[in-house]
C-alpha cells in the first residue's frame, strides 16, 4: 500500500466522507491507487483534541497493506455505546469477498479497536 495524505481523500469530500458524534469523528475514503482492485481504505479522525483544538488521533483501516474494492460509505452505521465510545460499521468488499468493517472509537482516550 501507499502513503496516505490529504491528497488521497476521494472527492468531492461531501460524497466520500461522513461525520459522527456532532462532528468530532470524521471518516473518509482514501484511494491509494494501487493495487487497483483493493485501493480504498477508510481514514478515521477522532478526539481527543490538543490545547489548540487539533484532533490528536487518526487511523487508516484496511487489510494490512491492501484496502478494499468498495467501501459503502452511504451504508455506514453508527452507535454510541457509552458517553465516549462510538462504534461504526461499514460494508466493504474486495476480490469477491464481502464483509463489514467495524471499529470502536474511544474519544476520551484516543484509541480505536
PDB file of N, CA and C in Angstrom:
ATOM      1  N   UNK A   1       0.804  -1.183   0.000  1.00  0.00           N
ATOM      2  CA  UNK A   1       0.000   0.000   0.000  1.00  0.00           C
ATOM      3  C   UNK A   1       0.842   1.238   0.000  1.00  0.00           C
ATOM      4  N   UNK A   2       0.253   2.359  -0.355  1.00  0.00           N
ATOM      5  CA  UNK A   2       0.970   3.623  -0.416  1.00  0.00           C
ATOM      6  C   UNK A   2       0.771   4.452   0.825  1.00  0.00           C
ATOM      7  N   UNK A   3       1.373   5.631   0.792  1.00  0.00           N
ATOM      8  CA  UNK A   3       1.243   6.579   1.885  1.00  0.00           C
ATOM      9  C   UNK A   3      -0.104   7.289   1.804  1.00  0.00           C
ATOM     10  N   UNK A   4      -0.740   7.485   2.936  1.00  0.00           N
ATOM     11  CA  UNK A   4      -1.998   8.220   2.987  1.00  0.00           C
ATOM     12  C   UNK A   4      -1.692   9.678   3.277  1.00  0.00           C
ATOM     13  N   UNK A   5      -2.294  10.566   2.502  1.00  0.00           N
ATOM     14  CA  UNK A   5      -2.193  12.002   2.743  1.00  0.00           C
ATOM     15  C   UNK A   5      -3.551  12.616   2.433  1.00  0.00           C
ATOM     16  N   UNK A   6      -3.688  13.893   2.696  1.00  0.00           N
ATOM     17  CA  UNK A   6      -4.949  14.572   2.389  1.00  0.00           C
ATOM     18  C   UNK A   6      -5.273  14.474   0.902  1.00  0.00           C
ATOM     19  N   UNK A   7      -4.247  14.371   0.066  1.00  0.00           N
ATOM     20  CA  UNK A   7      -4.474  14.251  -1.382  1.00  0.00           C
ATOM     21  C   UNK A   7      -5.096  12.912  -1.742  1.00  0.00           C
ATOM     22  N   UNK A   8      -5.049  11.940  -0.825  1.00  0.00           N
ATOM     23  CA  UNK A   8      -5.614  10.611  -1.072  1.00  0.00           C
ATOM     24  C   UNK A   8      -7.119  10.552  -0.846  1.00  0.00           C
ATOM     25  N   UNK A   9      -7.701  11.557  -0.167  1.00  0.00           N
ATOM     26  CA  UNK A   9      -9.139  11.550   0.123  1.00  0.00           C
ATOM     27  C   UNK A   9      -9.904  11.746  -1.181  1.00  0.00           C
ATOM     28  N   UNK A  10     -10.835  10.830  -1.437  1.00  0.00           N
ATOM     29  CA  UNK A  10     -11.647  10.942  -2.651  1.00  0.00           C
ATOM     30  C   UNK A  10     -12.485  12.204  -2.616  1.00  0.00           C
ATOM     31  N   UNK A  11     -12.690  12.791  -3.774  1.00  0.00           N
ATOM     32  CA  UNK A  11     -13.512  13.991  -3.886  1.00  0.00           C
ATOM     33  C   UNK A  11     -14.738  13.703  -4.737  1.00  0.00           C
ATOM     34  N   UNK A  12     -15.812  14.434  -4.567  1.00  0.00           N
ATOM     35  CA  UNK A  12     -15.978  15.523  -3.600  1.00  0.00           C
ATOM     36  C   UNK A  12     -16.070  14.991  -2.171  1.00  0.00           C
ATOM     37  N   UNK A  13     -15.467  15.691  -1.239  1.00  0.00           N
ATOM     38  CA  UNK A  13     -15.394  15.250   0.151  1.00  0.00           C
ATOM     39  C   UNK A  13     -16.773  14.999   0.741  1.00  0.00           C
ATOM     40  N   UNK A  14     -17.760  15.794   0.327  1.00  0.00           N
ATOM     41  CA  UNK A  14     -19.119  15.619   0.852  1.00  0.00           C
ATOM     42  C   UNK A  14     -19.681  14.250   0.489  1.00  0.00           C
ATOM     43  N   UNK A  15     -19.234  13.694  -0.623  1.00  0.00           N
ATOM     44  CA  UNK A  15     -19.729  12.399  -1.078  1.00  0.00           C
ATOM     45  C   UNK A  15     -18.969  11.229  -0.451  1.00  0.00           C
ATOM     46  N   UNK A  16     -17.708  11.439  -0.135  1.00  0.00           N
ATOM     47  CA  UNK A  16     -16.857  10.340   0.314  1.00  0.00           C
ATOM     48  C   UNK A  16     -16.402  10.443   1.765  1.00  0.00           C
ATOM     49  N   UNK A  17     -17.050  11.298   2.544  1.00  0.00           N
ATOM     50  CA  UNK A  17     -16.739  11.354   3.975  1.00  0.00           C
ATOM     51  C   UNK A  17     -18.020  11.597   4.763  1.00  0.00           C
ATOM     52  N   UNK A  18     -17.977  11.249   6.039  1.00  0.00           N
ATOM     53  CA  UNK A  18     -19.116  11.423   6.943  1.00  0.00           C
ATOM     54  C   UNK A  18     -18.584  11.839   8.304  1.00  0.00           C
ATOM     55  N   UNK A  19     -19.441  12.526   9.068  1.00  0.00           N
ATOM     56  CA  UNK A  19     -19.084  12.875  10.437  1.00  0.00           C
ATOM     57  C   UNK A  19     -20.078  12.247  11.403  1.00  0.00           C
ATOM     58  N   UNK A  20     -19.588  12.012  12.618  1.00  0.00           N
ATOM     59  CA  UNK A  20     -20.392  11.416  13.684  1.00  0.00           C
ATOM     60  C   UNK A  20     -20.074  12.125  14.987  1.00  0.00           C
ATOM     61  N   UNK A  21     -20.879  11.856  16.003  1.00  0.00           N
ATOM     62  CA  UNK A  21     -20.683  12.448  17.340  1.00  0.00           C
ATOM     63  C   UNK A  21     -20.557  13.965  17.256  1.00  0.00           C
ATOM     64  N   UNK A  22     -21.565  14.574  16.624  1.00  0.00           N
ATOM     65  CA  UNK A  22     -21.617  16.036  16.485  1.00  0.00           C
ATOM     66  C   UNK A  22     -20.383  16.607  15.804  1.00  0.00           C
ATOM     67  N   UNK A  23     -19.845  15.862  14.834  1.00  0.00           N
ATOM     68  CA  UNK A  23     -18.717  16.345  14.049  1.00  0.00           C
ATOM     69  C   UNK A  23     -17.342  16.058  14.618  1.00  0.00           C
ATOM     70  N   UNK A  24     -17.283  15.429  15.784  1.00  0.00           N
ATOM     71  CA  UNK A  24     -15.969  15.188  16.383  1.00  0.00           C
ATOM     72  C   UNK A  24     -15.230  14.019  15.749  1.00  0.00           C
ATOM     73  N   UNK A  25     -15.967  13.087  15.113  1.00  0.00           N
ATOM     74  CA  UNK A  25     -15.360  11.947  14.432  1.00  0.00           C
ATOM     75  C   UNK A  25     -15.672  12.083  12.944  1.00  0.00           C
ATOM     76  N   UNK A  26     -14.630  12.006  12.124  1.00  0.00           N
ATOM     77  CA  UNK A  26     -14.810  12.051  10.670  1.00  0.00           C
ATOM     78  C   UNK A  26     -14.211  10.796  10.068  1.00  0.00           C
ATOM     79  N   UNK A  27     -14.952  10.188   9.136  1.00  0.00           N
ATOM     80  CA  UNK A  27     -14.435   9.067   8.355  1.00  0.00           C
ATOM     81  C   UNK A  27     -14.439   9.488   6.889  1.00  0.00           C
ATOM     82  N   UNK A  28     -13.427   9.047   6.161  1.00  0.00           N
ATOM     83  CA  UNK A  28     -13.314   9.400   4.747  1.00  0.00           C
ATOM     84  C   UNK A  28     -12.677   8.238   3.998  1.00  0.00           C
ATOM     85  N   UNK A  29     -13.092   8.063   2.759  1.00  0.00           N
ATOM     86  CA  UNK A  29     -12.473   7.047   1.911  1.00  0.00           C
ATOM     87  C   UNK A  29     -11.232   7.647   1.272  1.00  0.00           C
ATOM     88  N   UNK A  30     -10.129   6.914   1.380  1.00  0.00           N
ATOM     89  CA  UNK A  30      -8.895   7.322   0.710  1.00  0.00           C
ATOM     90  C   UNK A  30      -8.588   6.314  -0.393  1.00  0.00           C
ATOM     91  N   UNK A  31      -8.007   6.811  -1.484  1.00  0.00           N
ATOM     92  CA  UNK A  31      -7.661   5.988  -2.636  1.00  0.00           C
ATOM     93  C   UNK A  31      -6.146   5.953  -2.765  1.00  0.00           C
ATOM     94  N   UNK A  32      -5.566   4.777  -2.547  1.00  0.00           N
ATOM     95  CA  UNK A  32      -4.122   4.624  -2.633  1.00  0.00           C
ATOM     96  C   UNK A  32      -3.665   4.211  -4.035  1.00  0.00           C
ATOM     97  N   UNK A  33      -4.574   4.205  -4.986  1.00  0.00           N
ATOM     98  CA  UNK A  33      -4.330   3.921  -6.398  1.00  0.00           C
ATOM     99  C   UNK A  33      -3.973   2.448  -6.647  1.00  0.00           C
ATOM    100  N   UNK A  34      -3.010   1.919  -5.934  1.00  0.00           N
ATOM    101  CA  UNK A  34      -2.573   0.531  -6.106  1.00  0.00           C
ATOM    102  C   UNK A  34      -2.722  -0.234  -4.798  1.00  0.00           C
ATOM    103  N   UNK A  35      -3.012  -1.494  -4.815  1.00  0.00           N
ATOM    104  CA  UNK A  35      -3.409  -2.250  -6.005  1.00  0.00           C
ATOM    105  C   UNK A  35      -4.805  -1.837  -6.455  1.00  0.00           C
ATOM    106  N   UNK A  36      -4.999  -1.751  -7.723  1.00  0.00           N
ATOM    107  CA  UNK A  36      -6.228  -1.186  -8.282  1.00  0.00           C
ATOM    108  C   UNK A  36      -7.490  -1.888  -7.790  1.00  0.00           C
ATOM    109  N   UNK A  37      -7.441  -3.193  -7.579  1.00  0.00           N
ATOM    110  CA  UNK A  37      -8.626  -3.939  -7.157  1.00  0.00           C
ATOM    111  C   UNK A  37      -8.919  -3.794  -5.672  1.00  0.00           C
ATOM    112  N   UNK A  38      -7.982  -3.209  -4.926  1.00  0.00           N
ATOM    113  CA  UNK A  38      -8.163  -3.071  -3.476  1.00  0.00           C
ATOM    114  C   UNK A  38      -7.464  -1.808  -2.985  1.00  0.00           C
ATOM    115  N   UNK A  39      -7.764  -0.680  -3.613  1.00  0.00           N
ATOM    116  CA  UNK A  39      -7.047   0.563  -3.338  1.00  0.00           C
ATOM    117  C   UNK A  39      -7.710   1.459  -2.297  1.00  0.00           C
ATOM    118  N   UNK A  40      -8.951   1.170  -1.907  1.00  0.00           N
ATOM    119  CA  UNK A  40      -9.668   2.059  -0.985  1.00  0.00           C
ATOM    120  C   UNK A  40      -9.471   1.627   0.464  1.00  0.00           C
ATOM    121  N   UNK A  41      -9.184   2.603   1.316  1.00  0.00           N
ATOM    122  CA  UNK A  41      -9.094   2.372   2.743  1.00  0.00           C
ATOM    123  C   UNK A  41      -9.924   3.437   3.446  1.00  0.00           C
ATOM    124  N   UNK A  42     -10.206   3.211   4.727  1.00  0.00           N
ATOM    125  CA  UNK A  42     -11.034   4.133   5.487  1.00  0.00           C
ATOM    126  C   UNK A  42     -10.163   4.905   6.463  1.00  0.00           C
ATOM    127  N   UNK A  43     -10.148   6.222   6.327  1.00  0.00           N
ATOM    128  CA  UNK A  43      -9.434   7.111   7.232  1.00  0.00           C
ATOM    129  C   UNK A  43     -10.401   7.542   8.330  1.00  0.00           C
ATOM    130  N   UNK A  44     -10.001   7.401   9.586  1.00  0.00           N
ATOM    131  CA  UNK A  44     -10.836   7.793  10.726  1.00  0.00           C
ATOM    132  C   UNK A  44     -10.054   8.805  11.553  1.00  0.00           C
ATOM    133  N   UNK A  45     -10.620   9.995  11.730  1.00  0.00           N
ATOM    134  CA  UNK A  45     -10.004  11.050  12.545  1.00  0.00           C
ATOM    135  C   UNK A  45     -10.907  11.293  13.750  1.00  0.00           C
ATOM    136  N   UNK A  46     -10.310  11.337  14.955  1.00  0.00           N
ATOM    137  CA  UNK A  46     -11.138  11.387  16.155  1.00  0.00           C
ATOM    138  C   UNK A  46     -10.406  12.052  17.317  1.00  0.00           C
ATOM    139  N   UNK A  47     -11.174  12.503  18.355  1.00  0.00           N
ATOM    140  CA  UNK A  47     -10.577  13.126  19.535  1.00  0.00           C
ATOM    141  C   UNK A  47      -9.739  12.122  20.322  1.00  0.00           C
ATOM    142  N   UNK A  48      -8.982  12.576  21.288  1.00  0.00           N
ATOM    143  CA  UNK A  48      -9.087  13.890  21.919  1.00  0.00           C
ATOM    144  C   UNK A  48      -8.400  14.980  21.110  1.00  0.00           C
ATOM    145  N   UNK A  49      -8.653  16.215  21.522  1.00  0.00           N
ATOM    146  CA  UNK A  49      -8.056  17.387  20.906  1.00  0.00           C
ATOM    147  C   UNK A  49      -6.904  17.887  21.767  1.00  0.00           C
ATOM    148  N   UNK A  50      -5.932  18.537  21.121  1.00  0.00           N
ATOM    149  CA  UNK A  50      -4.858  19.151  21.906  1.00  0.00           C
ATOM    150  C   UNK A  50      -5.283  20.549  22.342  1.00  0.00           C
ATOM    151  N   UNK A  51      -4.362  21.278  22.969  1.00  0.00           N
ATOM    152  CA  UNK A  51      -4.713  22.589  23.545  1.00  0.00           C
ATOM    153  C   UNK A  51      -5.080  23.633  22.501  1.00  0.00           C
ATOM    154  N   UNK A  52      -4.713  23.442  21.227  1.00  0.00           N
ATOM    155  CA  UNK A  52      -5.100  24.400  20.194  1.00  0.00           C
ATOM    156  C   UNK A  52      -6.277  23.910  19.343  1.00  0.00           C
ATOM    157  N   UNK A  53      -6.884  22.786  19.741  1.00  0.00           N
ATOM    158  CA  UNK A  53      -8.097  22.324  19.082  1.00  0.00           C
ATOM    159  C   UNK A  53      -7.902  21.348  17.945  1.00  0.00           C
ATOM    160  N   UNK A  54      -6.695  20.823  17.752  1.00  0.00           N
ATOM    161  CA  UNK A  54      -6.461  19.844  16.696  1.00  0.00           C
ATOM    162  C   UNK A  54      -6.767  18.439  17.193  1.00  0.00           C
ATOM    163  N   UNK A  55      -7.350  17.614  16.304  1.00  0.00           N
ATOM    164  CA  UNK A  55      -7.531  16.205  16.654  1.00  0.00           C
ATOM    165  C   UNK A  55      -6.150  15.580  16.815  1.00  0.00           C
ATOM    166  N   UNK A  56      -6.011  14.737  17.813  1.00  0.00           N
ATOM    167  CA  UNK A  56      -4.727  14.115  18.078  1.00  0.00           C
ATOM    168  C   UNK A  56      -4.657  12.673  17.588  1.00  0.00           C
ATOM    169  N   UNK A  57      -5.753  12.127  17.076  1.00  0.00           N
ATOM    170  CA  UNK A  57      -5.767  10.717  16.711  1.00  0.00           C
ATOM    171  C   UNK A  57      -6.361  10.498  15.326  1.00  0.00           C
ATOM    172  N   UNK A  58      -5.741   9.575  14.592  1.00  0.00           N
ATOM    173  CA  UNK A  58      -6.326   9.113  13.339  1.00  0.00           C
ATOM    174  C   UNK A  58      -5.804   7.716  13.059  1.00  0.00           C
ATOM    175  N   UNK A  59      -6.560   6.985  12.259  1.00  0.00           N
ATOM    176  CA  UNK A  59      -6.191   5.624  11.892  1.00  0.00           C
ATOM    177  C   UNK A  59      -6.655   5.377  10.465  1.00  0.00           C
ATOM    178  N   UNK A  60      -5.934   4.509   9.778  1.00  0.00           N
ATOM    179  CA  UNK A  60      -6.322   4.076   8.437  1.00  0.00           C
ATOM    180  C   UNK A  60      -6.677   2.600   8.546  1.00  0.00           C
ATOM    181  N   UNK A  61      -7.901   2.277   8.152  1.00  0.00           N
ATOM    182  CA  UNK A  61      -8.393   0.907   8.269  1.00  0.00           C
ATOM    183  C   UNK A  61      -8.441   0.257   6.902  1.00  0.00           C
ATOM    184  N   UNK A  62      -7.792  -0.876   6.795  1.00  0.00           N
ATOM    185  CA  UNK A  62      -7.773  -1.662   5.573  1.00  0.00           C
ATOM    186  C   UNK A  62      -7.468  -3.099   5.948  1.00  0.00           C
ATOM    187  N   UNK A  63      -6.858  -3.808   5.030  1.00  0.00           N
ATOM    188  CA  UNK A  63      -6.439  -5.185   5.294  1.00  0.00           C
ATOM    189  C   UNK A  63      -4.916  -5.235   5.157  1.00  0.00           C
ATOM    190  N   UNK A  64      -4.217  -4.787   6.178  1.00  0.00           N
ATOM    191  CA  UNK A  64      -2.763  -4.729   6.097  1.00  0.00           C
ATOM    192  C   UNK A  64      -2.340  -3.713   5.054  1.00  0.00           C
ATOM    193  N   UNK A  65      -1.565  -4.147   4.082  1.00  0.00           N
ATOM    194  CA  UNK A  65      -1.099  -3.262   3.015  1.00  0.00           C
ATOM    195  C   UNK A  65      -2.124  -3.075   1.912  1.00  0.00           C
ATOM    196  N   UNK A  66      -3.257  -3.757   2.025  1.00  0.00           N
ATOM    197  CA  UNK A  66      -4.284  -3.687   0.999  1.00  0.00           C
ATOM    198  C   UNK A  66      -5.531  -3.018   1.549  1.00  0.00           C
ATOM    199  N   UNK A  67      -6.341  -2.553   0.639  1.00  0.00           N
ATOM    200  CA  UNK A  67      -7.606  -1.965   1.028  1.00  0.00           C
ATOM    201  C   UNK A  67      -8.753  -2.804   0.489  1.00  0.00           C
ATOM    202  N   UNK A  68      -9.748  -2.106  -0.007  1.00  0.00           N
ATOM    203  CA  UNK A  68     -10.962  -2.744  -0.491  1.00  0.00           C
ATOM    204  C   UNK A  68     -11.272  -2.233  -1.891  1.00  0.00           C
ATOM    205  N   UNK A  69     -12.041  -3.011  -2.635  1.00  0.00           N
ATOM    206  CA  UNK A  69     -12.508  -2.568  -3.936  1.00  0.00           C
ATOM    207  C   UNK A  69     -13.712  -1.656  -3.816  1.00  0.00           C
ATOM    208  N   UNK A  70     -14.411  -1.780  -2.697  1.00  0.00           N
ATOM    209  CA  UNK A  70     -15.598  -0.951  -2.445  1.00  0.00           C
ATOM    210  C   UNK A  70     -15.750  -0.741  -0.953  1.00  0.00           C
ATOM    211  N   UNK A  71     -16.071   0.495  -0.571  1.00  0.00           N
ATOM    212  CA  UNK A  71     -16.444   0.836   0.803  1.00  0.00           C
ATOM    213  C   UNK A  71     -17.794   1.531   0.717  1.00  0.00           C
ATOM    214  N   UNK A  72     -18.814   0.974   1.355  1.00  0.00           N
ATOM    215  CA  UNK A  72     -20.179   1.502   1.269  1.00  0.00           C
ATOM    216  C   UNK A  72     -20.423   2.646   2.240  1.00  0.00           C
ATOM    217  N   UNK A  73     -19.818   3.779   1.990  1.00  0.00           N
ATOM    218  CA  UNK A  73     -19.930   4.917   2.918  1.00  0.00           C
ATOM    219  C   UNK A  73     -21.378   5.361   3.103  1.00  0.00           C
ATOM    220  N   UNK A  74     -22.209   5.198   2.072  1.00  0.00           N
ATOM    221  CA  UNK A  74     -23.630   5.570   2.204  1.00  0.00           C
ATOM    222  C   UNK A  74     -24.397   4.619   3.113  1.00  0.00           C
ATOM    223  N   UNK A  75     -23.818   3.452   3.383  1.00  0.00           N
ATOM    224  CA  UNK A  75     -24.479   2.441   4.197  1.00  0.00           C
ATOM    225  C   UNK A  75     -23.867   2.320   5.593  1.00  0.00           C
ATOM    226  N   UNK A  76     -23.011   3.250   5.953  1.00  0.00           N
ATOM    227  CA  UNK A  76     -22.326   3.182   7.239  1.00  0.00           C
ATOM    228  C   UNK A  76     -23.338   3.306   8.382  1.00  0.00           C
ATOM    229  N   UNK A  77     -23.136   2.505   9.398  1.00  0.00           N
ATOM    230  CA  UNK A  77     -23.986   2.523  10.589  1.00  0.00           C
ATOM    231  C   UNK A  77     -23.134   2.978  11.771  1.00  0.00           C
ATOM    232  N   UNK A  78     -23.747   3.660  12.705  1.00  0.00           N
ATOM    233  CA  UNK A  78     -23.016   4.084  13.896  1.00  0.00           C
ATOM    234  C   UNK A  78     -23.903   3.932  15.123  1.00  0.00           C
ATOM    235  N   UNK A  79     -23.238   3.747  16.255  1.00  0.00           N
ATOM    236  CA  UNK A  79     -23.969   3.707  17.520  1.00  0.00           C
ATOM    237  C   UNK A  79     -23.055   4.191  18.629  1.00  0.00           C
ATOM    238  N   UNK A  80     -23.633   4.985  19.513  1.00  0.00           N
ATOM    239  CA  UNK A  80     -22.901   5.442  20.695  1.00  0.00           C
ATOM    240  C   UNK A  80     -23.096   4.390  21.768  1.00  0.00           C
ATOM    241  N   UNK A  81     -21.985   3.798  22.209  1.00  0.00           N
ATOM    242  CA  UNK A  81     -22.043   2.706  23.171  1.00  0.00           C
ATOM    243  C   UNK A  81     -21.917   3.187  24.615  1.00  0.00           C
ATOM    244  N   UNK A  82     -21.298   4.313  24.796  1.00  0.00           N
ATOM    245  CA  UNK A  82     -21.123   4.911  26.122  1.00  0.00           C
ATOM    246  C   UNK A  82     -20.944   6.401  25.891  1.00  0.00           C
ATOM    247  N   UNK A  83     -20.675   7.133  26.931  1.00  0.00           N
ATOM    248  CA  UNK A  83     -20.533   8.584  26.794  1.00  0.00           C
ATOM    249  C   UNK A  83     -19.414   8.960  25.829  1.00  0.00           C
ATOM    250  N   UNK A  84     -18.358   8.132  25.742  1.00  0.00           N
ATOM    251  CA  UNK A  84     -17.224   8.473  24.886  1.00  0.00           C
ATOM    252  C   UNK A  84     -16.988   7.499  23.745  1.00  0.00           C
ATOM    253  N   UNK A  85     -17.684   6.374  23.711  1.00  0.00           N
ATOM    254  CA  UNK A  85     -17.434   5.357  22.683  1.00  0.00           C
ATOM    255  C   UNK A  85     -18.402   5.487  21.510  1.00  0.00           C
ATOM    256  N   UNK A  86     -17.866   5.351  20.317  1.00  0.00           N
ATOM    257  CA  UNK A  86     -18.647   5.341  19.094  1.00  0.00           C
ATOM    258  C   UNK A  86     -18.223   4.112  18.301  1.00  0.00           C
ATOM    259  N   UNK A  87     -19.186   3.304  17.877  1.00  0.00           N
ATOM    260  CA  UNK A  87     -18.889   2.160  17.029  1.00  0.00           C
ATOM    261  C   UNK A  87     -19.437   2.435  15.643  1.00  0.00           C
ATOM    262  N   UNK A  88     -18.598   2.200  14.636  1.00  0.00           N
ATOM    263  CA  UNK A  88     -19.036   2.343  13.250  1.00  0.00           C
ATOM    264  C   UNK A  88     -18.895   0.988  12.559  1.00  0.00           C
ATOM    265  N   UNK A  89     -19.767   0.750  11.604  1.00  0.00           N
ATOM    266  CA  UNK A  89     -19.718  -0.469  10.807  1.00  0.00           C
ATOM    267  C   UNK A  89     -20.065  -0.092   9.371  1.00  0.00           C
ATOM    268  N   UNK A  90     -19.222  -0.497   8.433  1.00  0.00           N
ATOM    269  CA  UNK A  90     -19.417  -0.127   7.036  1.00  0.00           C
ATOM    270  C   UNK A  90     -19.186  -1.359   6.167  1.00  0.00           C
ATOM    271  N   UNK A  91     -20.066  -1.603   5.180  1.00  0.00           N
ATOM    272  CA  UNK A  91     -19.855  -2.738   4.290  1.00  0.00           C
ATOM    273  C   UNK A  91     -18.654  -2.500   3.375  1.00  0.00           C
ATOM    274  N   UNK A  92     -17.858  -3.541   3.199  1.00  0.00           N
ATOM    275  CA  UNK A  92     -16.678  -3.480   2.334  1.00  0.00           C
ATOM    276  C   UNK A  92     -16.637  -4.730   1.465  1.00  0.00           C
ATOM    277  N   UNK A  93     -15.915  -4.637   0.358  1.00  0.00           N
ATOM    278  CA  UNK A  93     -15.706  -5.819  -0.478  1.00  0.00           C
ATOM    279  C   UNK A  93     -14.361  -5.702  -1.180  1.00  0.00           C
ATOM    280  N   UNK A  94     -13.783  -6.864  -1.459  1.00  0.00           N
ATOM    281  CA  UNK A  94     -12.533  -6.943  -2.211  1.00  0.00           C
ATOM    282  C   UNK A  94     -12.435  -8.332  -2.816  1.00  0.00           C
ATOM    283  N   UNK A  95     -12.179  -8.387  -4.110  1.00  0.00           N
ATOM    284  CA  UNK A  95     -11.985  -9.659  -4.811  1.00  0.00           C
ATOM    285  C   UNK A  95     -13.107 -10.659  -4.546  1.00  0.00           C
ATOM    286  N   UNK A  96     -14.357 -10.200  -4.578  1.00  0.00           N
ATOM    287  CA  UNK A  96     -15.497 -11.066  -4.372  1.00  0.00           C
ATOM    288  C   UNK A  96     -15.841 -11.352  -2.915  1.00  0.00           C
ATOM    289  N   UNK A  97     -15.013 -10.922  -2.009  1.00  0.00           N
ATOM    290  CA  UNK A  97     -15.230 -11.115  -0.569  1.00  0.00           C
ATOM    291  C   UNK A  97     -15.998  -9.913  -0.038  1.00  0.00           C
ATOM    292  N   UNK A  98     -17.099 -10.165   0.662  1.00  0.00           N
ATOM    293  CA  UNK A  98     -17.897  -9.087   1.237  1.00  0.00           C
ATOM    294  C   UNK A  98     -17.975  -9.259   2.734  1.00  0.00           C
ATOM    295  N   UNK A  99     -17.879  -8.148   3.437  1.00  0.00           N
ATOM    296  CA  UNK A  99     -17.901  -8.193   4.893  1.00  0.00           C
ATOM    297  C   UNK A  99     -18.311  -6.822   5.413  1.00  0.00           C
ATOM    298  N   UNK A 100     -18.251  -6.684   6.725  1.00  0.00           N
ATOM    299  CA  UNK A 100     -18.460  -5.384   7.361  1.00  0.00           C
ATOM    300  C   UNK A 100     -17.196  -5.045   8.130  1.00  0.00           C
ATOM    301  N   UNK A 101     -16.706  -3.855   7.937  1.00  0.00           N
ATOM    302  CA  UNK A 101     -15.562  -3.342   8.673  1.00  0.00           C
ATOM    303  C   UNK A 101     -16.115  -2.591   9.871  1.00  0.00           C
ATOM    304  N   UNK A 102     -15.757  -3.025  11.081  1.00  0.00           N
ATOM    305  CA  UNK A 102     -16.273  -2.396  12.298  1.00  0.00           C
ATOM    306  C   UNK A 102     -15.123  -1.878  13.140  1.00  0.00           C
ATOM    307  N   UNK A 103     -15.362  -0.774  13.808  1.00  0.00           N
ATOM    308  CA  UNK A 103     -14.355  -0.195  14.695  1.00  0.00           C
ATOM    309  C   UNK A 103     -15.058   0.540  15.823  1.00  0.00           C
ATOM    310  N   UNK A 104     -14.469   0.476  17.009  1.00  0.00           N
ATOM    311  CA  UNK A 104     -14.967   1.228  18.161  1.00  0.00           C
ATOM    312  C   UNK A 104     -13.934   2.282  18.517  1.00  0.00           C
ATOM    313  N   UNK A 105     -14.392   3.519  18.588  1.00  0.00           N
ATOM    314  CA  UNK A 105     -13.541   4.658  18.860  1.00  0.00           C
ATOM    315  C   UNK A 105     -13.805   5.145  20.274  1.00  0.00           C
ATOM    316  N   UNK A 106     -12.765   5.176  21.093  1.00  0.00           N
ATOM    317  CA  UNK A 106     -12.862   5.758  22.423  1.00  0.00           C
ATOM    318  C   UNK A 106     -12.333   7.178  22.301  1.00  0.00           C
ATOM    319  N   UNK A 107     -13.238   8.140  22.324  1.00  0.00           N
ATOM    320  CA  UNK A 107     -12.878   9.530  22.055  1.00  0.00           C
ATOM    321  C   UNK A 107     -12.128  10.194  23.202  1.00  0.00           C
ATOM    322  N   UNK A 108     -12.278   9.710  24.406  1.00  0.00           N
ATOM    323  CA  UNK A 108     -11.557  10.334  25.529  1.00  0.00           C
ATOM    324  C   UNK A 108     -10.111   9.839  25.601  1.00  0.00           C
ATOM    325  N   UNK A 109      -9.889   8.568  25.216  1.00  0.00           N
ATOM    326  CA  UNK A 109      -8.528   8.000  25.280  1.00  0.00           C
ATOM    327  C   UNK A 109      -7.806   8.081  23.949  1.00  0.00           C
ATOM    328  N   UNK A 110      -8.520   8.356  22.848  1.00  0.00           N
ATOM    329  CA  UNK A 110      -7.900   8.428  21.542  1.00  0.00           C
ATOM    330  C   UNK A 110      -7.475   7.071  21.029  1.00  0.00           C
ATOM    331  N   UNK A 111      -8.321   6.051  21.255  1.00  0.00           N
ATOM    332  CA  UNK A 111      -7.992   4.698  20.775  1.00  0.00           C
ATOM    333  C   UNK A 111      -9.087   4.205  19.843  1.00  0.00           C
ATOM    334  N   UNK A 112      -8.702   3.264  18.994  1.00  0.00           N
ATOM    335  CA  UNK A 112      -9.644   2.642  18.080  1.00  0.00           C
ATOM    336  C   UNK A 112      -9.354   1.149  18.060  1.00  0.00           C
ATOM    337  N   UNK A 113     -10.407   0.333  18.185  1.00  0.00           N
ATOM    338  CA  UNK A 113     -10.240  -1.118  18.151  1.00  0.00           C
ATOM    339  C   UNK A 113     -11.251  -1.734  17.222  1.00  0.00           C
TER     340      UNK A 113
END
